Amino acid sequence: MNNVYWDLSKIAYIFNSDMFTLYSGILSGNLSISGPVGGPEFNGTMSLLSPDFNLPQYIPDHFTTEEIKVFFSQEEISLTETLFLVRTGYVAVSGLISMDRWALANFVVN
């Protein structure tokens, strides 16, 4: 998928739940998927531009930032450290997801 550009506000209803609500954001970038269907490899970089979301049951305040960069490298998905504005303060978040085929092998949020 080259030159992806999706306005996520148009499909936010797919992601929204009691635990997560997406208000806006643009997903852009390039992602390639290769290998067998049972054990695919993902490679590329995606950016989530101007995201606005919250975690209603835990933190009802909105999380906003200019950009979230996500890197896909074979079976790992990494989120670079991102500074979010939450109410009047900031929170730094980074993360790593490791996949074993389609199953979640490891999930770390810092």
N, C-alpha and C. Protein backbone atom coordinates (compact mmCIF):
# COMPACT_ATOMS: atom_id res chain seq x y z
N MET A 1 0.85 -1.16 0.00
CA MET A 1 0.00 0.00 0.00
C MET A 1 0.90 1.23 0.00
N ASN A 2 0.94 1.91 -1.10
CA ASN A 2 1.76 3.10 -1.22
C ASN A 2 0.89 4.35 -1.15
N ASN A 3 1.46 5.39 -0.58
CA ASN A 3 0.79 6.69 -0.50
C ASN A 3 -0.60 6.59 0.14
N VAL A 4 -0.67 5.88 1.26
CA VAL A 4 -1.92 5.76 2.01
C VAL A 4 -2.27 7.13 2.57
N TYR A 5 -3.53 7.50 2.48
CA TYR A 5 -4.01 8.75 3.06
C TYR A 5 -5.48 8.54 3.43
N TRP A 6 -5.73 8.27 4.71
CA TRP A 6 -7.09 8.01 5.17
C TRP A 6 -7.47 8.99 6.26
N ASP A 7 -8.62 9.61 6.11
CA ASP A 7 -9.19 10.45 7.16
C ASP A 7 -9.91 9.51 8.13
N LEU A 8 -9.29 9.25 9.28
CA LEU A 8 -9.82 8.27 10.21
C LEU A 8 -11.12 8.71 10.89
N SER A 9 -11.42 10.00 10.85
CA SER A 9 -12.69 10.44 11.45
C SER A 9 -13.88 9.83 10.71
N LYS A 10 -13.68 9.50 9.43
CA LYS A 10 -14.76 8.93 8.62
C LYS A 10 -15.05 7.47 8.98
N ILE A 11 -14.05 6.79 9.57
CA ILE A 11 -14.24 5.37 9.94
C ILE A 11 -13.99 5.15 11.43
N ALA A 12 -14.05 6.21 12.22
CA ALA A 12 -13.77 6.12 13.66
C ALA A 12 -14.71 5.13 14.36
N TYR A 13 -15.93 5.02 13.88
CA TYR A 13 -16.90 4.13 14.49
C TYR A 13 -16.39 2.68 14.56
N ILE A 14 -15.47 2.30 13.68
CA ILE A 14 -14.91 0.94 13.69
C ILE A 14 -14.05 0.73 14.93
N PHE A 15 -13.35 1.78 15.38
CA PHE A 15 -12.41 1.67 16.50
C PHE A 15 -13.04 2.05 17.83
N ASN A 16 -14.09 2.85 17.81
CA ASN A 16 -14.63 3.40 19.04
C ASN A 16 -15.32 2.35 19.90
N SER A 17 -15.09 2.48 21.21
CA SER A 17 -15.68 1.56 22.19
C SER A 17 -15.77 2.29 23.52
N ASP A 18 -16.17 1.58 24.56
CA ASP A 18 -16.22 2.18 25.89
C ASP A 18 -14.82 2.50 26.41
N MET A 19 -13.80 1.85 25.83
CA MET A 19 -12.44 2.02 26.32
C MET A 19 -11.59 2.96 25.47
N PHE A 20 -12.01 3.21 24.24
CA PHE A 20 -11.22 4.04 23.32
C PHE A 20 -12.16 4.78 22.38
N THR A 21 -11.95 6.08 22.23
CA THR A 21 -12.72 6.88 21.28
C THR A 21 -11.78 7.72 20.44
N LEU A 22 -11.87 7.56 19.13
CA LEU A 22 -11.08 8.33 18.18
C LEU A 22 -11.96 9.43 17.62
N TYR A 23 -11.48 10.68 17.70
CA TYR A 23 -12.24 11.81 17.20
C TYR A 23 -11.75 12.26 15.83
N SER A 24 -10.43 12.26 15.64
CA SER A 24 -9.91 12.69 14.35
C SER A 24 -8.47 12.21 14.19
N GLY A 25 -7.98 12.31 12.96
CA GLY A 25 -6.62 11.93 12.62
C GLY A 25 -6.54 11.50 11.18
N ILE A 26 -5.38 11.71 10.59
CA ILE A 26 -5.12 11.30 9.21
C ILE A 26 -4.02 10.26 9.24
N LEU A 27 -4.27 9.10 8.66
CA LEU A 27 -3.27 8.04 8.54
C LEU A 27 -2.62 8.15 7.18
N SER A 28 -1.28 8.26 7.16
CA SER A 28 -0.58 8.35 5.88
C SER A 28 0.72 7.55 5.95
N GLY A 29 1.21 7.14 4.78
CA GLY A 29 2.47 6.43 4.72
C GLY A 29 2.45 5.30 3.71
N ASN A 30 3.42 4.39 3.88
CA ASN A 30 3.58 3.25 2.97
C ASN A 30 3.77 1.99 3.80
N LEU A 31 3.13 0.93 3.38
CA LEU A 31 3.22 -0.34 4.09
C LEU A 31 3.19 -1.48 3.08
N SER A 32 4.15 -2.39 3.20
CA SER A 32 4.13 -3.57 2.33
C SER A 32 3.89 -4.80 3.19
N ILE A 33 3.11 -5.71 2.65
CA ILE A 33 2.80 -6.97 3.33
C ILE A 33 3.26 -8.08 2.41
N SER A 34 4.12 -8.97 2.94
CA SER A 34 4.63 -10.06 2.12
C SER A 34 4.63 -11.35 2.92
N GLY A 35 4.88 -12.45 2.23
CA GLY A 35 4.93 -13.74 2.89
C GLY A 35 3.59 -14.44 2.84
N PRO A 36 3.52 -15.61 3.47
CA PRO A 36 2.28 -16.39 3.45
C PRO A 36 1.19 -15.73 4.30
N VAL A 37 -0.05 -16.02 3.98
CA VAL A 37 -1.19 -15.46 4.71
C VAL A 37 -1.11 -15.84 6.19
N GLY A 38 -0.63 -17.03 6.50
CA GLY A 38 -0.55 -17.49 7.89
C GLY A 38 0.58 -16.86 8.69
N GLY A 39 1.55 -16.25 8.03
CA GLY A 39 2.68 -15.63 8.73
C GLY A 39 3.25 -14.47 7.96
N PRO A 40 2.46 -13.42 7.79
CA PRO A 40 2.91 -12.30 6.96
C PRO A 40 3.99 -11.46 7.64
N GLU A 41 4.73 -10.73 6.82
CA GLU A 41 5.70 -9.76 7.30
C GLU A 41 5.25 -8.38 6.84
N PHE A 42 5.34 -7.43 7.73
CA PHE A 42 4.94 -6.05 7.45
C PHE A 42 6.19 -5.18 7.46
N ASN A 43 6.33 -4.33 6.48
CA ASN A 43 7.46 -3.40 6.42
C ASN A 43 6.97 -2.06 5.92
N GLY A 44 7.44 -0.99 6.57
CA GLY A 44 7.08 0.35 6.15
C GLY A 44 6.96 1.30 7.30
N THR A 45 6.49 2.49 6.99
CA THR A 45 6.31 3.54 7.97
C THR A 45 4.95 4.19 7.75
N MET A 46 4.23 4.37 8.83
CA MET A 46 2.95 5.06 8.78
C MET A 46 2.99 6.21 9.79
N SER A 47 2.29 7.27 9.50
CA SER A 47 2.17 8.40 10.41
C SER A 47 0.70 8.66 10.67
N LEU A 48 0.39 8.94 11.92
CA LEU A 48 -0.95 9.37 12.28
C LEU A 48 -0.83 10.86 12.59
N LEU A 49 -1.40 11.68 11.71
CA LEU A 49 -1.27 13.13 11.80
C LEU A 49 -2.45 13.73 12.56
N SER A 50 -2.14 14.62 13.48
CA SER A 50 -3.13 15.36 14.27
C SER A 50 -4.18 14.45 14.91
N PRO A 51 -3.76 13.37 15.58
CA PRO A 51 -4.75 12.51 16.21
C PRO A 51 -5.38 13.18 17.43
N ASP A 52 -6.61 12.83 17.68
CA ASP A 52 -7.35 13.29 18.85
C ASP A 52 -8.17 12.09 19.33
N PHE A 53 -7.86 11.61 20.52
CA PHE A 53 -8.57 10.45 21.06
C PHE A 53 -8.61 10.55 22.58
N ASN A 54 -9.41 9.68 23.18
CA ASN A 54 -9.39 9.55 24.63
C ASN A 54 -9.67 8.11 25.03
N LEU A 55 -9.52 7.86 26.32
CA LEU A 55 -9.77 6.56 26.92
C LEU A 55 -10.88 6.79 27.95
N PRO A 56 -12.14 6.82 27.51
CA PRO A 56 -13.26 7.30 28.33
C PRO A 56 -13.35 6.70 29.74
N GLN A 57 -13.10 5.42 29.89
CA GLN A 57 -13.24 4.80 31.20
C GLN A 57 -12.07 5.11 32.13
N TYR A 58 -10.95 5.53 31.58
CA TYR A 58 -9.75 5.74 32.39
C TYR A 58 -9.32 7.20 32.43
N ILE A 59 -9.18 7.82 31.26
CA ILE A 59 -8.76 9.21 31.16
C ILE A 59 -9.69 9.88 30.15
N PRO A 60 -10.72 10.55 30.63
CA PRO A 60 -11.69 11.14 29.69
C PRO A 60 -11.16 12.35 28.92
N ASP A 61 -10.03 12.92 29.36
CA ASP A 61 -9.46 14.06 28.65
C ASP A 61 -8.91 13.60 27.30
N HIS A 62 -8.91 14.52 26.35
CA HIS A 62 -8.42 14.21 25.01
C HIS A 62 -6.89 14.16 24.98
N PHE A 63 -6.35 13.20 24.22
CA PHE A 63 -4.93 13.11 23.93
C PHE A 63 -4.75 13.68 22.52
N THR A 64 -3.85 14.64 22.36
CA THR A 64 -3.58 15.20 21.04
C THR A 64 -2.07 15.35 20.85
N THR A 65 -1.65 15.31 19.61
CA THR A 65 -0.25 15.53 19.24
C THR A 65 -0.21 15.87 17.76
N GLU A 66 0.93 16.31 17.30
CA GLU A 66 1.05 16.63 15.87
C GLU A 66 1.17 15.38 15.01
N GLU A 67 1.97 14.39 15.49
CA GLU A 67 2.23 13.20 14.67
C GLU A 67 2.66 12.03 15.54
N ILE A 68 2.15 10.86 15.20
CA ILE A 68 2.60 9.61 15.79
C ILE A 68 3.25 8.82 14.66
N LYS A 69 4.53 8.47 14.81
CA LYS A 69 5.22 7.67 13.78
C LYS A 69 5.22 6.21 14.22
N VAL A 70 4.83 5.35 13.29
CA VAL A 70 4.79 3.91 13.54
C VAL A 70 5.62 3.21 12.48
N PHE A 71 6.57 2.38 12.94
CA PHE A 71 7.45 1.64 12.04
C PHE A 71 7.11 0.16 12.07
N PHE A 72 7.02 -0.43 10.89
CA PHE A 72 6.74 -1.86 10.73
C PHE A 72 8.00 -2.52 10.20
N SER A 73 8.49 -3.51 10.90
CA SER A 73 9.68 -4.23 10.47
C SER A 73 9.45 -5.72 10.72
N GLN A 74 9.10 -6.42 9.68
CA GLN A 74 8.81 -7.84 9.70
C GLN A 74 7.71 -8.15 10.72
N GLU A 75 8.05 -8.67 11.89
CA GLU A 75 7.03 -9.05 12.86
C GLU A 75 6.95 -8.08 14.04
N GLU A 76 7.57 -6.89 13.91
CA GLU A 76 7.53 -5.91 14.99
C GLU A 76 6.93 -4.59 14.51
N ILE A 77 6.17 -3.99 15.39
CA ILE A 77 5.57 -2.69 15.15
C ILE A 77 6.04 -1.79 16.29
N SER A 78 6.73 -0.71 15.96
CA SER A 78 7.23 0.17 17.02
C SER A 78 6.66 1.58 16.87
N LEU A 79 6.36 2.16 18.01
CA LEU A 79 5.85 3.51 18.10
C LEU A 79 6.95 4.36 18.70
N THR A 80 7.43 5.34 17.94
CA THR A 80 8.48 6.22 18.46
C THR A 80 7.92 7.05 19.61
N GLU A 81 8.81 7.49 20.49
CA GLU A 81 8.35 8.29 21.62
C GLU A 81 7.61 9.52 21.10
N THR A 82 6.41 9.69 21.62
CA THR A 82 5.53 10.76 21.19
C THR A 82 5.05 11.54 22.41
N LEU A 83 5.06 12.84 22.31
CA LEU A 83 4.61 13.70 23.40
C LEU A 83 3.16 14.11 23.13
N PHE A 84 2.26 13.71 24.03
CA PHE A 84 0.83 14.02 23.91
C PHE A 84 0.45 15.13 24.87
N LEU A 85 -0.37 16.05 24.40
CA LEU A 85 -0.97 17.04 25.27
C LEU A 85 -2.24 16.42 25.84
N VAL A 86 -2.34 16.40 27.17
CA VAL A 86 -3.52 15.88 27.85
C VAL A 86 -3.93 16.94 28.87
N ARG A 87 -5.06 17.57 28.59
CA ARG A 87 -5.55 18.70 29.39
C ARG A 87 -4.50 19.81 29.39
N THR A 88 -3.81 20.03 30.49
CA THR A 88 -2.81 21.11 30.55
C THR A 88 -1.39 20.58 30.72
N GLY A 89 -1.21 19.27 30.61
CA GLY A 89 0.11 18.68 30.77
C GLY A 89 0.47 17.79 29.59
N TYR A 90 1.66 17.23 29.68
CA TYR A 90 2.15 16.37 28.60
C TYR A 90 2.49 14.98 29.12
N VAL A 91 2.30 13.98 28.26
CA VAL A 91 2.63 12.60 28.56
C VAL A 91 3.46 12.06 27.40
N ALA A 92 4.62 11.46 27.69
CA ALA A 92 5.45 10.83 26.65
C ALA A 92 5.14 9.34 26.60
N VAL A 93 4.90 8.83 25.41
CA VAL A 93 4.55 7.42 25.22
C VAL A 93 5.36 6.84 24.07
N SER A 94 5.86 5.62 24.27
CA SER A 94 6.47 4.85 23.18
C SER A 94 6.00 3.42 23.36
N GLY A 95 6.18 2.60 22.33
CA GLY A 95 5.70 1.24 22.45
C GLY A 95 6.29 0.30 21.42
N LEU A 96 6.12 -0.99 21.68
CA LEU A 96 6.58 -2.04 20.79
C LEU A 96 5.58 -3.19 20.83
N ILE A 97 5.20 -3.65 19.65
CA ILE A 97 4.33 -4.82 19.53
C ILE A 97 5.09 -5.85 18.72
N SER A 98 5.18 -7.06 19.26
CA SER A 98 5.80 -8.18 18.53
C SER A 98 4.70 -9.17 18.19
N MET A 99 4.71 -9.62 16.95
CA MET A 99 3.70 -10.56 16.48
C MET A 99 4.33 -11.92 16.20
N ASP A 100 3.56 -12.95 16.43
CA ASP A 100 3.92 -14.31 16.03
C ASP A 100 2.81 -14.77 15.10
N ARG A 101 3.08 -14.62 13.82
CA ARG A 101 2.05 -14.79 12.79
C ARG A 101 0.99 -13.73 13.03
N TRP A 102 -0.26 -14.09 13.27
CA TRP A 102 -1.31 -13.11 13.54
C TRP A 102 -1.55 -12.94 15.04
N ALA A 103 -0.82 -13.67 15.86
CA ALA A 103 -1.02 -13.60 17.32
C ALA A 103 -0.09 -12.57 17.95
N LEU A 104 -0.58 -11.93 18.98
CA LEU A 104 0.22 -10.97 19.72
C LEU A 104 1.21 -11.73 20.60
N ALA A 105 2.51 -11.51 20.38
CA ALA A 105 3.54 -12.19 21.17
C ALA A 105 4.01 -11.32 22.34
N ASN A 106 4.05 -9.99 22.13
CA ASN A 106 4.52 -9.09 23.16
C ASN A 106 3.97 -7.71 22.90
N PHE A 107 3.62 -7.01 23.97
CA PHE A 107 3.07 -5.66 23.87
C PHE A 107 3.63 -4.83 25.00
N VAL A 108 4.42 -3.81 24.67
CA VAL A 108 5.07 -2.99 25.68
C VAL A 108 4.74 -1.53 25.41
N VAL A 109 4.29 -0.83 26.45
CA VAL A 109 4.05 0.61 26.36
C VAL A 109 4.86 1.26 27.46
N ASN A 110 5.63 2.28 27.09
CA ASN A 110 6.42 3.03 28.06
C ASN A 110 5.86 4.42 28.23
